[in-house]
Amino acid sequence: MESKIKEKIKNLTSQINEHNYAYYVLDQPSLSDAEYDNLFRELESLEKVNPELILPTSPTQRVGHPIKSGFQNYDHEIPMLSLSNAINEQEIVEFNQRINRWLDQSKTSYVAEPKIDGLGVSLIYENGHLIRALTRGDGSSGEDITHNIKTINAIPMILRGKNYPNFLEIRGEIFMLKSDFISLNKVRSQNDEKLFANARNAAAGSVRQLDPQITAKRSLSIFCYELGASKGLDVNTQWDMLSYLKSIGLPVSPLAKKIDSIDSMISYHQDLEHKRESIPYEIDGSVIKVDNYVLRSKLGERARSPRWAIAAKFKSKNAETQIIDIVLQVGRTGVITPVAKIKEVEISGAIISSATLHNQDEIDKKDIRINDFVIVERSGDVIPKITKVLIEKRPKKTQKFAISDFNWPDPDCKIERIDGEAAYRCVNPNCKSRVMGMLEHFCSKNAMNIEGMGPQIVKQLLEANLLESFDDIYRLKFDDLINLERFKDKSVMNLITSINESKKTTFPRFLFALGIPNVGQHISKILDIHCKSSIEHLSTLSLEDLENIDGVGLIVAQSIIDFFNASSNREVIDNCFANGVNINKTIFDNSEKFKDIIFVITGSFKNHNRNEIKEILEKNGGKVSSSVSSKTSFLIVGNNAGSKLKKAQALNVKVVKEAQLEKFIN
């Protein structure tokens, strides 16, 4: 009897998985919804009575248990780079011309696909089994979202057939169908929950749930589009790769097309834009890639994007609406930004309720007034802006808007317009609105990265008089927070934990967090090398010393001098250190050691973090590329090196193994 039940479970599991393949990959359903549901319920019933016979590939095992805490980060074997943009057809033409010029040929074959407005993910299979799924993250590392990815029926937990390598990484885009997005928001509205602004946000929020049962209730889809790292896979073109992915059970875009001329490239883009509204998911452009992998390797990558691909953006969508009010926002440096509050309007699936007006000059140029009817556009389908005032619809008795006439509700805000600048500024560093902007920046992801300390929490703590400056964050205790609205034991402990974790930081992060005008992430890294990770050293440099640092000009230098000349700023920094903030010292600081040397890092490392290796090489003057070419000087190799090691050996590139790494760097 047990053997019959075992065989029945095996057959049902196979049937349901085959149906998922037919439905999601082939777009040819083999069963009706009712038939599918009956099979699924039959399998559930058998497994409930015989739990010891449940197969790991069973579709009932897609929803696991909630994870206990936050998401763990893992390095990408190959960085997930961004794509450079083409904002009009001329730039598509120029992209093609550059490719042909670099390759010294008259014609190149490409593959074009829709640019889906979703969330990039990396799927990692070992011996055909899905073992990990990561978000794109910062491109070098991403968050482990495997528990949620398994809930997506379109993603096979085991690959079809046997034609796959021991290690295979696939890149894809998670998205939500327009119809599923509307249904989700309808349910949230009925439950008095906050609505998602657009389908992309809904998809991104769904895959970052701690509880996979929540994710499972939200219909997510995926198309796979690119090969990441692999070990022993022999595919030579993008077009063949897409066919291969489909053969092993991974869904790819049915709108992908092979093209071989600039005319067909532009025609594809125009046709896609024309059909945009009829496509069941949100797209915001087309992606065009060189088809041949060998040619891609010759073209190589820039620091953040490959030379062999481009994202051609659609023209921005717009809509007519009315300005209800104009409010002023104060940034961390005191810059005043006017923002138009508008009657809500939907553009490209997003609900728009405000649009930046940049500065007084922009307002004057377009003569923007409260109560005006205007055309709002999402620039690059992201940032809302007012492109036109409909003068013919202007109501009577409207008045010109002037920042200088604004009745600012915060009495501490002192607004001035600096000679030679377009912006107005609040010149009082103690203004609460400005302090809030500074605190938000200090806690942000690229600064101290205090998870859970968003704008609403910062505002709440300011209003409760628990925060006045950065150092106050590191004095917060459980008893300070537990009596505040919306704070319970778990949320308080999570915030305290995030604050404590942020204490261990780096010089560039801390310096960037301080919000010194004109000192961004890049300048912070330059100063780290020069100051040897010492804020004290930086504070003692003269204007001349700073100007002599390559990459630091007079304006940046003066900003740094002004900041450290204020005793209140020095006091806040000292208090941060006194309350446990600790800057990890840069281990290697000979910035000329690897000058003009190009490195590639590949494989997984036992005792090192890929980002740390990259940072060390760059701080010593080296350049880290994502692909091996004839220009590569050294390949830094960990486990599962794959095709990059083979290519390096073929090109006689010197290889440094992990066991040799410390000695090599020193």
Foldseek 3Di string as FASTA:
>chain_A
DVVVLLVLLVVLQVVLLVQLLCCFAVVHGPDDPVVSVVSLVVNVVSCVVVVVSDDPQGLVPLFDFFDDDAFDKDFFQFFPFDFAADADLVVLVVLQVVLCVLVVHDWFKKKKDFAFLAWKKKFKAAQQATDFMFTNPPRGMGTTLSNQVSLASLDGRGWPDRPFARIWMFMKGKWAFPVLLVVVQVVCVVVVHDHDQFGRSVRVVLSRDSGNVSNNVRHMGMAIQDTGFGFPDDDFWSVVVSVVCSNGRHHHDPLMDMDMDSVVVVVSFVVCLVCQVVPRGFTFTMKMFGTGPVSQQSQFCDQRHGSGMYTYGDDWDKDKWAFADWDWAQALQFWIWIKTAIDWDDGRRGTDGIATQGFPVSCVVQVDWHGWIFMWTDVSVHHIHTDHTPVVPRDPPIDGDDPVPDPDPFPQFDWDDDPPDRTIGRPRNQGPSNQLNLQQLCCDCQALVQPPCHSVNSVQCVVVVQDRHDLSLLVDDLVSPCPGPPDHPVSSVSRNVSSQVSLEEAQLRHVCSNVQPPCHSVNSLLVCLVQQRDPVSLLPDDLVRQCPRPPGHNVNSVSSPVQSVDVVNVVSVVSSVVSRRDHDTQPDRQQQQAAQAEEEERDDADPDGPVSLCSLQVNNRYHYGSADDLRHAEYEYEPSRHPRVVVCVVSVHHYHYPVCVVVVSD
